[in-house]
Amino acid sequence: MQWVQPKNGTDALIASSRRKRDIALPAALPGIAIATALARVRGNSSLLRTIIIDFRTQNLSTVAHIRQAVAAQERDQTLSQAHALKGVAGAIGAETLAATVREFEDAVRGGKESSFMELL
């Protein structure tokens, strides 16, 4: 990779994108079914790396937001955020996360508040 000093916001995004592509996809990644995820992107490991990195970046505060929605008793917001997380987790092969979020959604729908925090 050749480093070019970013001149503006666009150049910084390009440099960031290049860094993402240069990170090797590990053979195994805890919590991610790599083979399943690779099949979904037709073997494009570069694309999968980018998707996984973006997933992490975009969801750093998702659980905190879901907890806030639970605390505020905003059922629709809680379910919406959980559903979005479940969908993306399933798409990237984070099968255990997707299953746990599915269980959380069922608990919210069923009014089983005692299990919310354990699942989160």
PDB file of N, CA and C in Angstrom:
ATOM      1  N   MET A   1       0.846  -1.179   0.000  1.00  0.00           N
ATOM      2  CA  MET A   1       0.000   0.000   0.000  1.00  0.00           C
ATOM      3  C   MET A   1       0.888   1.238   0.000  1.00  0.00           C
ATOM      4  N   GLN A   2       0.526   2.189  -0.807  1.00  0.00           N
ATOM      5  CA  GLN A   2       1.263   3.437  -0.860  1.00  0.00           C
ATOM      6  C   GLN A   2       0.474   4.468  -0.073  1.00  0.00           C
ATOM      7  N   TRP A   3       1.148   5.123   0.860  1.00  0.00           N
ATOM      8  CA  TRP A   3       0.477   6.124   1.687  1.00  0.00           C
ATOM      9  C   TRP A   3       0.519   7.467   0.992  1.00  0.00           C
ATOM     10  N   VAL A   4      -0.631   8.085   0.879  1.00  0.00           N
ATOM     11  CA  VAL A   4      -0.741   9.426   0.328  1.00  0.00           C
ATOM     12  C   VAL A   4      -1.390  10.270   1.405  1.00  0.00           C
ATOM     13  N   GLN A   5      -0.756  11.361   1.751  1.00  0.00           N
ATOM     14  CA  GLN A   5      -1.307  12.240   2.783  1.00  0.00           C
ATOM     15  C   GLN A   5      -2.654  12.783   2.327  1.00  0.00           C
ATOM     16  N   PRO A   6      -3.722  12.490   3.049  1.00  0.00           N
ATOM     17  CA  PRO A   6      -5.038  12.996   2.653  1.00  0.00           C
ATOM     18  C   PRO A   6      -5.061  14.522   2.630  1.00  0.00           C
ATOM     19  N   LYS A   7      -5.670  15.096   1.569  1.00  0.00           N
ATOM     20  CA  LYS A   7      -5.766  16.539   1.430  1.00  0.00           C
ATOM     21  C   LYS A   7      -7.111  17.059   1.901  1.00  0.00           C
ATOM     22  N   ASN A   8      -8.108  16.210   1.838  1.00  0.00           N
ATOM     23  CA  ASN A   8      -9.434  16.625   2.268  1.00  0.00           C
ATOM     24  C   ASN A   8     -10.198  15.395   2.742  1.00  0.00           C
ATOM     25  N   GLY A   9     -11.456  15.561   3.076  1.00  0.00           N
ATOM     26  CA  GLY A   9     -12.272  14.470   3.587  1.00  0.00           C
ATOM     27  C   GLY A   9     -12.385  13.302   2.627  1.00  0.00           C
ATOM     28  N   THR A  10     -12.487  13.582   1.335  1.00  0.00           N
ATOM     29  CA  THR A  10     -12.609  12.527   0.339  1.00  0.00           C
ATOM     30  C   THR A  10     -11.337  11.692   0.290  1.00  0.00           C
ATOM     31  N   ASP A  11     -10.180  12.360   0.307  1.00  0.00           N
ATOM     32  CA  ASP A  11      -8.919  11.632   0.289  1.00  0.00           C
ATOM     33  C   ASP A  11      -8.778  10.756   1.530  1.00  0.00           C
ATOM     34  N   ALA A  12      -9.258  11.245   2.672  1.00  0.00           N
ATOM     35  CA  ALA A  12      -9.194  10.464   3.907  1.00  0.00           C
ATOM     36  C   ALA A  12     -10.054   9.213   3.786  1.00  0.00           C
ATOM     37  N   LEU A  13     -11.217   9.327   3.152  1.00  0.00           N
ATOM     38  CA  LEU A  13     -12.084   8.164   2.957  1.00  0.00           C
ATOM     39  C   LEU A  13     -11.438   7.143   2.031  1.00  0.00           C
ATOM     40  N   ILE A  14     -10.777   7.622   0.999  1.00  0.00           N
ATOM     41  CA  ILE A  14     -10.095   6.722   0.071  1.00  0.00           C
ATOM     42  C   ILE A  14      -8.964   5.997   0.787  1.00  0.00           C
ATOM     43  N   ALA A  15      -8.181   6.720   1.590  1.00  0.00           N
ATOM     44  CA  ALA A  15      -7.089   6.098   2.337  1.00  0.00           C
ATOM     45  C   ALA A  15      -7.639   5.074   3.318  1.00  0.00           C
ATOM     46  N   SER A  16      -8.754   5.387   3.977  1.00  0.00           N
ATOM     47  CA  SER A  16      -9.383   4.452   4.910  1.00  0.00           C
ATOM     48  C   SER A  16      -9.845   3.204   4.180  1.00  0.00           C
ATOM     49  N   SER A  17     -10.439   3.373   3.017  1.00  0.00           N
ATOM     50  CA  SER A  17     -10.909   2.249   2.217  1.00  0.00           C
ATOM     51  C   SER A  17      -9.743   1.362   1.807  1.00  0.00           C
ATOM     52  N   ARG A  18      -8.640   1.950   1.423  1.00  0.00           N
ATOM     53  CA  ARG A  18      -7.460   1.170   1.039  1.00  0.00           C
ATOM     54  C   ARG A  18      -6.934   0.369   2.222  1.00  0.00           C
ATOM     55  N   ARG A  19      -6.939   0.975   3.422  1.00  0.00           N
ATOM     56  CA  ARG A  19      -6.471   0.255   4.607  1.00  0.00           C
ATOM     57  C   ARG A  19      -7.370  -0.943   4.877  1.00  0.00           C
ATOM     58  N   LYS A  20      -8.681  -0.800   4.702  1.00  0.00           N
ATOM     59  CA  LYS A  20      -9.614  -1.905   4.924  1.00  0.00           C
ATOM     60  C   LYS A  20      -9.313  -3.057   3.973  1.00  0.00           C
ATOM     61  N   ARG A  21      -9.030  -2.757   2.725  1.00  0.00           N
ATOM     62  CA  ARG A  21      -8.761  -3.801   1.741  1.00  0.00           C
ATOM     63  C   ARG A  21      -7.466  -4.538   2.032  1.00  0.00           C
ATOM     64  N   ASP A  22      -6.515  -3.870   2.690  1.00  0.00           N
ATOM     65  CA  ASP A  22      -5.217  -4.466   2.931  1.00  0.00           C
ATOM     66  C   ASP A  22      -5.202  -5.402   4.140  1.00  0.00           C
ATOM     67  N   ILE A  23      -6.260  -5.443   4.906  1.00  0.00           N
ATOM     68  CA  ILE A  23      -6.321  -6.320   6.068  1.00  0.00           C
ATOM     69  C   ILE A  23      -6.704  -7.714   5.597  1.00  0.00           C
ATOM     70  N   ALA A  24      -5.891  -8.701   5.925  1.00  0.00           N
ATOM     71  CA  ALA A  24      -6.160 -10.068   5.489  1.00  0.00           C
ATOM     72  C   ALA A  24      -7.360 -10.645   6.231  1.00  0.00           C
ATOM     73  N   LEU A  25      -8.166 -11.396   5.524  1.00  0.00           N
ATOM     74  CA  LEU A  25      -9.305 -12.085   6.119  1.00  0.00           C
ATOM     75  C   LEU A  25      -8.784 -13.341   6.800  1.00  0.00           C
ATOM     76  N   PRO A  26      -9.004 -13.483   8.112  1.00  0.00           N
ATOM     77  CA  PRO A  26      -8.493 -14.678   8.797  1.00  0.00           C
ATOM     78  C   PRO A  26      -9.276 -15.922   8.382  1.00  0.00           C
ATOM     79  N   ALA A  27      -8.656 -17.066   8.533  1.00  0.00           N
ATOM     80  CA  ALA A  27      -9.313 -18.332   8.205  1.00  0.00           C
ATOM     81  C   ALA A  27     -10.478 -18.590   9.166  1.00  0.00           C
ATOM     82  N   ALA A  28     -10.338 -18.128  10.399  1.00  0.00           N
ATOM     83  CA  ALA A  28     -11.394 -18.283  11.397  1.00  0.00           C
ATOM     84  C   ALA A  28     -11.528 -16.966  12.154  1.00  0.00           C
ATOM     85  N   LEU A  29     -12.742 -16.626  12.489  1.00  0.00           N
ATOM     86  CA  LEU A  29     -13.021 -15.403  13.225  1.00  0.00           C
ATOM     87  C   LEU A  29     -14.120 -15.720  14.230  1.00  0.00           C
ATOM     88  N   PRO A  30     -13.828 -15.629  15.526  1.00  0.00           N
ATOM     89  CA  PRO A  30     -14.830 -15.990  16.526  1.00  0.00           C
ATOM     90  C   PRO A  30     -16.149 -15.254  16.292  1.00  0.00           C
ATOM     91  N   GLY A  31     -17.220 -16.027  16.257  1.00  0.00           N
ATOM     92  CA  GLY A  31     -18.537 -15.446  16.095  1.00  0.00           C
ATOM     93  C   GLY A  31     -18.994 -15.282  14.656  1.00  0.00           C
ATOM     94  N   ILE A  32     -18.110 -15.534  13.709  1.00  0.00           N
ATOM     95  CA  ILE A  32     -18.450 -15.379  12.291  1.00  0.00           C
ATOM     96  C   ILE A  32     -18.208 -16.712  11.577  1.00  0.00           C
ATOM     97  N   ALA A  33     -19.206 -17.185  10.873  1.00  0.00           N
ATOM     98  CA  ALA A  33     -19.054 -18.386  10.055  1.00  0.00           C
ATOM     99  C   ALA A  33     -18.470 -17.933   8.715  1.00  0.00           C
ATOM    100  N   ILE A  34     -17.157 -17.914   8.644  1.00  0.00           N
ATOM    101  CA  ILE A  34     -16.444 -17.368   7.491  1.00  0.00           C
ATOM    102  C   ILE A  34     -16.889 -18.050   6.193  1.00  0.00           C
ATOM    103  N   ALA A  35     -16.972 -19.378   6.181  1.00  0.00           N
ATOM    104  CA  ALA A  35     -17.343 -20.085   4.949  1.00  0.00           C
ATOM    105  C   ALA A  35     -18.737 -19.679   4.481  1.00  0.00           C
ATOM    106  N   THR A  36     -19.665 -19.567   5.411  1.00  0.00           N
ATOM    107  CA  THR A  36     -21.032 -19.157   5.075  1.00  0.00           C
ATOM    108  C   THR A  36     -21.042 -17.742   4.524  1.00  0.00           C
ATOM    109  N   ALA A  37     -20.340 -16.848   5.221  1.00  0.00           N
ATOM    110  CA  ALA A  37     -20.299 -15.447   4.796  1.00  0.00           C
ATOM    111  C   ALA A  37     -19.617 -15.306   3.440  1.00  0.00           C
ATOM    112  N   LEU A  38     -18.543 -16.047   3.227  1.00  0.00           N
ATOM    113  CA  LEU A  38     -17.861 -15.998   1.928  1.00  0.00           C
ATOM    114  C   LEU A  38     -18.772 -16.478   0.804  1.00  0.00           C
ATOM    115  N   ALA A  39     -19.569 -17.502   1.085  1.00  0.00           N
ATOM    116  CA  ALA A  39     -20.500 -17.996   0.060  1.00  0.00           C
ATOM    117  C   ALA A  39     -21.510 -16.912  -0.302  1.00  0.00           C
ATOM    118  N   ARG A  40     -21.931 -16.119   0.687  1.00  0.00           N
ATOM    119  CA  ARG A  40     -22.916 -15.067   0.427  1.00  0.00           C
ATOM    120  C   ARG A  40     -22.359 -13.954  -0.450  1.00  0.00           C
ATOM    121  N   VAL A  41     -21.044 -13.761  -0.409  1.00  0.00           N
ATOM    122  CA  VAL A  41     -20.421 -12.725  -1.250  1.00  0.00           C
ATOM    123  C   VAL A  41     -19.669 -13.363  -2.422  1.00  0.00           C
ATOM    124  N   ARG A  42     -20.052 -14.584  -2.748  1.00  0.00           N
ATOM    125  CA  ARG A  42     -19.480 -15.324  -3.883  1.00  0.00           C
ATOM    126  C   ARG A  42     -17.957 -15.407  -3.840  1.00  0.00           C
ATOM    127  N   GLY A  43     -17.439 -15.622  -2.622  1.00  0.00           N
ATOM    128  CA  GLY A  43     -16.004 -15.819  -2.453  1.00  0.00           C
ATOM    129  C   GLY A  43     -15.166 -14.562  -2.466  1.00  0.00           C
ATOM    130  N   ASN A  44     -15.785 -13.405  -2.493  1.00  0.00           N
ATOM    131  CA  ASN A  44     -15.050 -12.142  -2.549  1.00  0.00           C
ATOM    132  C   ASN A  44     -14.568 -11.768  -1.139  1.00  0.00           C
ATOM    133  N   SER A  45     -13.371 -12.229  -0.792  1.00  0.00           N
ATOM    134  CA  SER A  45     -12.860 -12.014   0.565  1.00  0.00           C
ATOM    135  C   SER A  45     -12.612 -10.539   0.863  1.00  0.00           C
ATOM    136  N   SER A  46     -12.244  -9.776  -0.144  1.00  0.00           N
ATOM    137  CA  SER A  46     -12.041  -8.339   0.046  1.00  0.00           C
ATOM    138  C   SER A  46     -13.349  -7.664   0.451  1.00  0.00           C
ATOM    139  N   LEU A  47     -14.424  -8.018  -0.242  1.00  0.00           N
ATOM    140  CA  LEU A  47     -15.736  -7.468   0.088  1.00  0.00           C
ATOM    141  C   LEU A  47     -16.153  -7.894   1.485  1.00  0.00           C
ATOM    142  N   LEU A  48     -15.944  -9.157   1.822  1.00  0.00           N
ATOM    143  CA  LEU A  48     -16.327  -9.640   3.153  1.00  0.00           C
ATOM    144  C   LEU A  48     -15.545  -8.921   4.241  1.00  0.00           C
ATOM    145  N   ARG A  49     -14.255  -8.717   4.035  1.00  0.00           N
ATOM    146  CA  ARG A  49     -13.453  -7.959   5.012  1.00  0.00           C
ATOM    147  C   ARG A  49     -14.072  -6.585   5.245  1.00  0.00           C
ATOM    148  N   THR A  50     -14.393  -5.907   4.160  1.00  0.00           N
ATOM    149  CA  THR A  50     -14.975  -4.569   4.257  1.00  0.00           C
ATOM    150  C   THR A  50     -16.308  -4.615   5.001  1.00  0.00           C
ATOM    151  N   ILE A  51     -17.142  -5.582   4.678  1.00  0.00           N
ATOM    152  CA  ILE A  51     -18.451  -5.701   5.328  1.00  0.00           C
ATOM    153  C   ILE A  51     -18.296  -5.944   6.828  1.00  0.00           C
ATOM    154  N   ILE A  52     -17.391  -6.838   7.210  1.00  0.00           N
ATOM    155  CA  ILE A  52     -17.191  -7.146   8.638  1.00  0.00           C
ATOM    156  C   ILE A  52     -16.652  -5.931   9.385  1.00  0.00           C
ATOM    157  N   ILE A  53     -15.688  -5.251   8.797  1.00  0.00           N
ATOM    158  CA  ILE A  53     -15.129  -4.050   9.438  1.00  0.00           C
ATOM    159  C   ILE A  53     -16.202  -2.976   9.570  1.00  0.00           C
ATOM    160  N   ASP A  54     -16.976  -2.768   8.507  1.00  0.00           N
ATOM    161  CA  ASP A  54     -18.055  -1.774   8.562  1.00  0.00           C
ATOM    162  C   ASP A  54     -19.117  -2.165   9.588  1.00  0.00           C
ATOM    163  N   PHE A  55     -19.440  -3.458   9.675  1.00  0.00           N
ATOM    164  CA  PHE A  55     -20.408  -3.937  10.662  1.00  0.00           C
ATOM    165  C   PHE A  55     -19.956  -3.557  12.069  1.00  0.00           C
ATOM    166  N   ARG A  56     -18.706  -3.836  12.365  1.00  0.00           N
ATOM    167  CA  ARG A  56     -18.173  -3.501  13.691  1.00  0.00           C
ATOM    168  C   ARG A  56     -18.245  -1.991  13.943  1.00  0.00           C
ATOM    169  N   THR A  57     -17.776  -1.224  12.986  1.00  0.00           N
ATOM    170  CA  THR A  57     -17.746   0.232  13.130  1.00  0.00           C
ATOM    171  C   THR A  57     -19.140   0.805  13.327  1.00  0.00           C
ATOM    172  N   GLN A  58     -20.088   0.340  12.539  1.00  0.00           N
ATOM    173  CA  GLN A  58     -21.434   0.896  12.581  1.00  0.00           C
ATOM    174  C   GLN A  58     -22.257   0.408  13.771  1.00  0.00           C
ATOM    175  N   ASN A  59     -21.798  -0.640  14.442  1.00  0.00           N
ATOM    176  CA  ASN A  59     -22.593  -1.201  15.536  1.00  0.00           C
ATOM    177  C   ASN A  59     -21.920  -1.129  16.896  1.00  0.00           C
ATOM    178  N   LEU A  60     -20.927  -0.283  17.038  1.00  0.00           N
ATOM    179  CA  LEU A  60     -20.245  -0.158  18.324  1.00  0.00           C
ATOM    180  C   LEU A  60     -21.201   0.252  19.452  1.00  0.00           C
ATOM    181  N   SER A  61     -22.196   1.057  19.139  1.00  0.00           N
ATOM    182  CA  SER A  61     -23.104   1.526  20.184  1.00  0.00           C
ATOM    183  C   SER A  61     -24.522   0.976  20.047  1.00  0.00           C
ATOM    184  N   THR A  62     -24.702  -0.004  19.198  1.00  0.00           N
ATOM    185  CA  THR A  62     -26.051  -0.530  18.967  1.00  0.00           C
ATOM    186  C   THR A  62     -26.675  -1.111  20.234  1.00  0.00           C
ATOM    187  N   VAL A  63     -25.932  -1.912  20.976  1.00  0.00           N
ATOM    188  CA  VAL A  63     -26.489  -2.509  22.200  1.00  0.00           C
ATOM    189  C   VAL A  63     -26.833  -1.414  23.207  1.00  0.00           C
ATOM    190  N   ALA A  64     -26.004  -0.394  23.299  1.00  0.00           N
ATOM    191  CA  ALA A  64     -26.312   0.723  24.207  1.00  0.00           C
ATOM    192  C   ALA A  64     -27.604   1.416  23.782  1.00  0.00           C
ATOM    193  N   HIS A  65     -27.802   1.584  22.480  1.00  0.00           N
ATOM    194  CA  HIS A  65     -29.036   2.211  21.988  1.00  0.00           C
ATOM    195  C   HIS A  65     -30.252   1.332  22.266  1.00  0.00           C
ATOM    196  N   ILE A  66     -30.077   0.032  22.105  1.00  0.00           N
ATOM    197  CA  ILE A  66     -31.180  -0.883  22.412  1.00  0.00           C
ATOM    198  C   ILE A  66     -31.508  -0.823  23.900  1.00  0.00           C
ATOM    199  N   ARG A  67     -30.488  -0.795  24.740  1.00  0.00           N
ATOM    200  CA  ARG A  67     -30.721  -0.680  26.196  1.00  0.00           C
ATOM    201  C   ARG A  67     -31.459   0.613  26.535  1.00  0.00           C
ATOM    202  N   GLN A  68     -31.099   1.699  25.871  1.00  0.00           N
ATOM    203  CA  GLN A  68     -31.790   2.972  26.108  1.00  0.00           C
ATOM    204  C   GLN A  68     -33.248   2.870  25.699  1.00  0.00           C
ATOM    205  N   ALA A  69     -33.516   2.230  24.579  1.00  0.00           N
ATOM    206  CA  ALA A  69     -34.896   2.064  24.117  1.00  0.00           C
ATOM    207  C   ALA A  69     -35.684   1.191  25.089  1.00  0.00           C
ATOM    208  N   VAL A  70     -35.044   0.156  25.619  1.00  0.00           N
ATOM    209  CA  VAL A  70     -35.697  -0.705  26.619  1.00  0.00           C
ATOM    210  C   VAL A  70     -36.015   0.107  27.864  1.00  0.00           C
ATOM    211  N   ALA A  71     -35.029   0.868  28.341  1.00  0.00           N
ATOM    212  CA  ALA A  71     -35.215   1.674  29.555  1.00  0.00           C
ATOM    213  C   ALA A  71     -36.325   2.704  29.383  1.00  0.00           C
ATOM    214  N   ALA A  72     -36.441   3.237  28.176  1.00  0.00           N
ATOM    215  CA  ALA A  72     -37.480   4.240  27.898  1.00  0.00           C
ATOM    216  C   ALA A  72     -38.817   3.585  27.542  1.00  0.00           C
ATOM    217  N   GLN A  73     -38.844   2.258  27.581  1.00  0.00           N
ATOM    218  CA  GLN A  73     -40.045   1.479  27.254  1.00  0.00           C
ATOM    219  C   GLN A  73     -40.569   1.793  25.849  1.00  0.00           C
ATOM    220  N   GLU A  74     -39.631   1.967  24.924  1.00  0.00           N
ATOM    221  CA  GLU A  74     -39.961   2.219  23.524  1.00  0.00           C
ATOM    222  C   GLU A  74     -39.891   0.893  22.774  1.00  0.00           C
ATOM    223  N   ARG A  75     -40.963   0.135  22.872  1.00  0.00           N
ATOM    224  CA  ARG A  75     -41.007  -1.219  22.320  1.00  0.00           C
ATOM    225  C   ARG A  75     -40.734  -1.234  20.813  1.00  0.00           C
ATOM    226  N   ASP A  76     -41.379  -0.368  20.060  1.00  0.00           N
ATOM    227  CA  ASP A  76     -41.185  -0.356  18.610  1.00  0.00           C
ATOM    228  C   ASP A  76     -39.742  -0.027  18.241  1.00  0.00           C
ATOM    229  N   GLN A  77     -39.149   0.932  18.923  1.00  0.00           N
ATOM    230  CA  GLN A  77     -37.762   1.310  18.667  1.00  0.00           C
ATOM    231  C   GLN A  77     -36.826   0.163  19.047  1.00  0.00           C
ATOM    232  N   THR A  78     -37.106  -0.479  20.164  1.00  0.00           N
ATOM    233  CA  THR A  78     -36.303  -1.624  20.602  1.00  0.00           C
ATOM    234  C   THR A  78     -36.329  -2.717  19.542  1.00  0.00           C
ATOM    235  N   LEU A  79     -37.531  -3.056  19.084  1.00  0.00           N
ATOM    236  CA  LEU A  79     -37.669  -4.112  18.077  1.00  0.00           C
ATOM    237  C   LEU A  79     -37.036  -3.715  16.744  1.00  0.00           C
ATOM    238  N   SER A  80     -37.166  -2.475  16.361  1.00  0.00           N
ATOM    239  CA  SER A  80     -36.601  -2.011  15.097  1.00  0.00           C
ATOM    240  C   SER A  80     -35.081  -2.131  15.105  1.00  0.00           C
ATOM    241  N   GLN A  81     -34.462  -1.670  16.177  1.00  0.00           N
ATOM    242  CA  GLN A  81     -33.001  -1.731  16.266  1.00  0.00           C
ATOM    243  C   GLN A  81     -32.516  -3.167  16.351  1.00  0.00           C
ATOM    244  N   ALA A  82     -33.223  -3.979  17.122  1.00  0.00           N
ATOM    245  CA  ALA A  82     -32.840  -5.384  17.253  1.00  0.00           C
ATOM    246  C   ALA A  82     -32.995  -6.103  15.912  1.00  0.00           C
ATOM    247  N   HIS A  83     -34.072  -5.833  15.216  1.00  0.00           N
ATOM    248  CA  HIS A  83     -34.323  -6.483  13.937  1.00  0.00           C
ATOM    249  C   HIS A  83     -33.229  -6.128  12.918  1.00  0.00           C
ATOM    250  N   ALA A  84     -32.840  -4.876  12.885  1.00  0.00           N
ATOM    251  CA  ALA A  84     -31.772  -4.448  11.970  1.00  0.00           C
ATOM    252  C   ALA A  84     -30.462  -5.157  12.303  1.00  0.00           C
ATOM    253  N   LEU A  85     -30.137  -5.234  13.582  1.00  0.00           N
ATOM    254  CA  LEU A  85     -28.911  -5.904  14.011  1.00  0.00           C
ATOM    255  C   LEU A  85     -28.954  -7.383  13.638  1.00  0.00           C
ATOM    256  N   LYS A  86     -30.088  -8.022  13.870  1.00  0.00           N
ATOM    257  CA  LYS A  86     -30.238  -9.445  13.546  1.00  0.00           C
ATOM    258  C   LYS A  86     -30.029  -9.693  12.055  1.00  0.00           C
ATOM    259  N   GLY A  87     -30.617  -8.861  11.229  1.00  0.00           N
ATOM    260  CA  GLY A  87     -30.501  -9.040   9.789  1.00  0.00           C
ATOM    261  C   GLY A  87     -29.084  -8.925   9.296  1.00  0.00           C
ATOM    262  N   VAL A  88     -28.386  -7.908   9.748  1.00  0.00           N
ATOM    263  CA  VAL A  88     -27.003  -7.718   9.292  1.00  0.00           C
ATOM    264  C   VAL A  88     -26.104  -8.808   9.873  1.00  0.00           C
ATOM    265  N   ALA A  89     -26.337  -9.169  11.135  1.00  0.00           N
ATOM    266  CA  ALA A  89     -25.533 -10.234  11.745  1.00  0.00           C
ATOM    267  C   ALA A  89     -25.690 -11.536  10.960  1.00  0.00           C
ATOM    268  N   GLY A  90     -26.908 -11.856  10.596  1.00  0.00           N
ATOM    269  CA  GLY A  90     -27.142 -13.060   9.806  1.00  0.00           C
ATOM    270  C   GLY A  90     -26.475 -12.992   8.450  1.00  0.00           C
ATOM    271  N   ALA A  91     -26.505 -11.833   7.842  1.00  0.00           N
ATOM    272  CA  ALA A  91     -25.923 -11.661   6.511  1.00  0.00           C
ATOM    273  C   ALA A  91     -24.407 -11.834   6.510  1.00  0.00           C
ATOM    274  N   ILE A  92     -23.740 -11.470   7.596  1.00  0.00           N
ATOM    275  CA  ILE A  92     -22.282 -11.593   7.629  1.00  0.00           C
ATOM    276  C   ILE A  92     -21.818 -12.896   8.262  1.00  0.00           C
ATOM    277  N   GLY A  93     -22.758 -13.777   8.594  1.00  0.00           N
ATOM    278  CA  GLY A  93     -22.374 -15.062   9.161  1.00  0.00           C
ATOM    279  C   GLY A  93     -22.186 -15.058  10.659  1.00  0.00           C
ATOM    280  N   ALA A  94     -22.632 -14.013  11.337  1.00  0.00           N
ATOM    281  CA  ALA A  94     -22.567 -13.963  12.805  1.00  0.00           C
ATOM    282  C   ALA A  94     -23.814 -14.673  13.339  1.00  0.00           C
ATOM    283  N   GLU A  95     -23.814 -16.002  13.158  1.00  0.00           N
ATOM    284  CA  GLU A  95     -25.004 -16.799  13.413  1.00  0.00           C
ATOM    285  C   GLU A  95     -25.431 -16.815  14.876  1.00  0.00           C
ATOM    286  N   THR A  96     -24.484 -16.883  15.789  1.00  0.00           N
ATOM    287  CA  THR A  96     -24.820 -16.888  17.215  1.00  0.00           C
ATOM    288  C   THR A  96     -25.418 -15.552  17.624  1.00  0.00           C
ATOM    289  N   LEU A  97     -24.844 -14.472  17.129  1.00  0.00           N
ATOM    290  CA  LEU A  97     -25.389 -13.143  17.418  1.00  0.00           C
ATOM    291  C   LEU A  97     -26.801 -13.028  16.863  1.00  0.00           C
ATOM    292  N   ALA A  98     -27.004 -13.445  15.640  1.00  0.00           N
ATOM    293  CA  ALA A  98     -28.333 -13.372  15.028  1.00  0.00           C
ATOM    294  C   ALA A  98     -29.345 -14.193  15.826  1.00  0.00           C
ATOM    295  N   ALA A  99     -28.952 -15.375  16.278  1.00  0.00           N
ATOM    296  CA  ALA A  99     -29.855 -16.223  17.069  1.00  0.00           C
ATOM    297  C   ALA A  99     -30.176 -15.580  18.416  1.00  0.00           C
ATOM    298  N   THR A 100     -29.181 -14.966  19.049  1.00  0.00           N
ATOM    299  CA  THR A 100     -29.407 -14.304  20.338  1.00  0.00           C
ATOM    300  C   THR A 100     -30.330 -13.115  20.171  1.00  0.00           C
ATOM    301  N   VAL A 101     -30.147 -12.345  19.115  1.00  0.00           N
ATOM    302  CA  VAL A 101     -31.012 -11.188  18.869  1.00  0.00           C
ATOM    303  C   VAL A 101     -32.433 -11.657  18.548  1.00  0.00           C
ATOM    304  N   ARG A 102     -32.549 -12.764  17.834  1.00  0.00           N
ATOM    305  CA  ARG A 102     -33.878 -13.338  17.549  1.00  0.00           C
ATOM    306  C   ARG A 102     -34.577 -13.702  18.864  1.00  0.00           C
ATOM    307  N   GLU A 103     -33.823 -14.298  19.775  1.00  0.00           N
ATOM    308  CA  GLU A 103     -34.355 -14.657  21.097  1.00  0.00           C
ATOM    309  C   GLU A 103     -34.771 -13.396  21.861  1.00  0.00           C
ATOM    310  N   PHE A 104     -33.948 -12.350  21.749  1.00  0.00           N
ATOM    311  CA  PHE A 104     -34.266 -11.076  22.395  1.00  0.00           C
ATOM    312  C   PHE A 104     -35.557 -10.494  21.832  1.00  0.00           C
ATOM    313  N   GLU A 105     -35.697 -10.510  20.498  1.00  0.00           N
ATOM    314  CA  GLU A 105     -36.920 -10.009  19.867  1.00  0.00           C
ATOM    315  C   GLU A 105     -38.145 -10.772  20.385  1.00  0.00           C
ATOM    316  N   ASP A 106     -38.025 -12.090  20.474  1.00  0.00           N
ATOM    317  CA  ASP A 106     -39.138 -12.904  20.975  1.00  0.00           C
ATOM    318  C   ASP A 106     -39.477 -12.531  22.418  1.00  0.00           C
ATOM    319  N   ALA A 107     -38.451 -12.271  23.221  1.00  0.00           N
ATOM    320  CA  ALA A 107     -38.676 -11.876  24.612  1.00  0.00           C
ATOM    321  C   ALA A 107     -39.386 -10.529  24.681  1.00  0.00           C
ATOM    322  N   VAL A 108     -38.994  -9.597  23.830  1.00  0.00           N
ATOM    323  CA  VAL A 108     -39.642  -8.276  23.807  1.00  0.00           C
ATOM    324  C   VAL A 108     -41.093  -8.432  23.379  1.00  0.00           C
ATOM    325  N   ARG A 109     -41.317  -9.173  22.325  1.00  0.00           N
ATOM    326  CA  ARG A 109     -42.692  -9.379  21.852  1.00  0.00           C
ATOM    327  C   ARG A 109     -43.550 -10.083  22.901  1.00  0.00           C
ATOM    328  N   GLY A 110     -42.939 -11.002  23.645  1.00  0.00           N
ATOM    329  CA  GLY A 110     -43.663 -11.756  24.661  1.00  0.00           C
ATOM    330  C   GLY A 110     -43.727 -11.071  26.013  1.00  0.00           C
ATOM    331  N   GLY A 111     -43.115  -9.888  26.121  1.00  0.00           N
ATOM    332  CA  GLY A 111     -43.132  -9.150  27.380  1.00  0.00           C
ATOM    333  C   GLY A 111     -42.322  -9.812  28.487  1.00  0.00           C
ATOM    334  N   LYS A 112     -41.313 -10.583  28.125  1.00  0.00           N
ATOM    335  CA  LYS A 112     -40.473 -11.284  29.103  1.00  0.00           C
ATOM    336  C   LYS A 112     -39.306 -10.403  29.519  1.00  0.00           C
ATOM    337  N   GLU A 113     -39.616  -9.334  30.227  1.00  0.00           N
ATOM    338  CA  GLU A 113     -38.616  -8.328  30.593  1.00  0.00           C
ATOM    339  C   GLU A 113     -37.487  -8.879  31.446  1.00  0.00           C
ATOM    340  N   SER A 114     -37.752  -9.922  32.205  1.00  0.00           N
ATOM    341  CA  SER A 114     -36.711 -10.491  33.066  1.00  0.00           C
ATOM    342  C   SER A 114     -35.524 -11.041  32.273  1.00  0.00           C
ATOM    343  N   SER A 115     -35.724 -11.373  31.007  1.00  0.00           N
ATOM    344  CA  SER A 115     -34.632 -11.929  30.208  1.00  0.00           C
ATOM    345  C   SER A 115     -33.940 -10.901  29.313  1.00  0.00           C
ATOM    346  N   PHE A 116     -34.450  -9.668  29.258  1.00  0.00           N
ATOM    347  CA  PHE A 116     -33.874  -8.653  28.358  1.00  0.00           C
ATOM    348  C   PHE A 116     -32.384  -8.434  28.600  1.00  0.00           C
ATOM    349  N   MET A 117     -32.019  -8.113  29.825  1.00  0.00           N
ATOM    350  CA  MET A 117     -30.628  -7.738  30.108  1.00  0.00           C
ATOM    351  C   MET A 117     -29.680  -8.920  29.933  1.00  0.00           C
ATOM    352  N   GLU A 118     -30.132 -10.111  30.274  1.00  0.00           N
ATOM    353  CA  GLU A 118     -29.274 -11.283  30.079  1.00  0.00           C
ATOM    354  C   GLU A 118     -28.981 -11.471  28.589  1.00  0.00           C
ATOM    355  N   LEU A 119     -29.996 -11.318  27.760  1.00  0.00           N
ATOM    356  CA  LEU A 119     -29.808 -11.481  26.320  1.00  0.00           C
ATOM    357  C   LEU A 119     -28.965 -10.361  25.733  1.00  0.00           C
ATOM    358  N   LEU A 120     -29.123  -9.149  26.254  1.00  0.00           N
ATOM    359  CA  LEU A 120     -28.301  -8.047  25.754  1.00  0.00           C
ATOM    360  C   LEU A 120     -26.858  -8.235  26.188  1.00  0.00           C
TER     361      LEU A 120
END
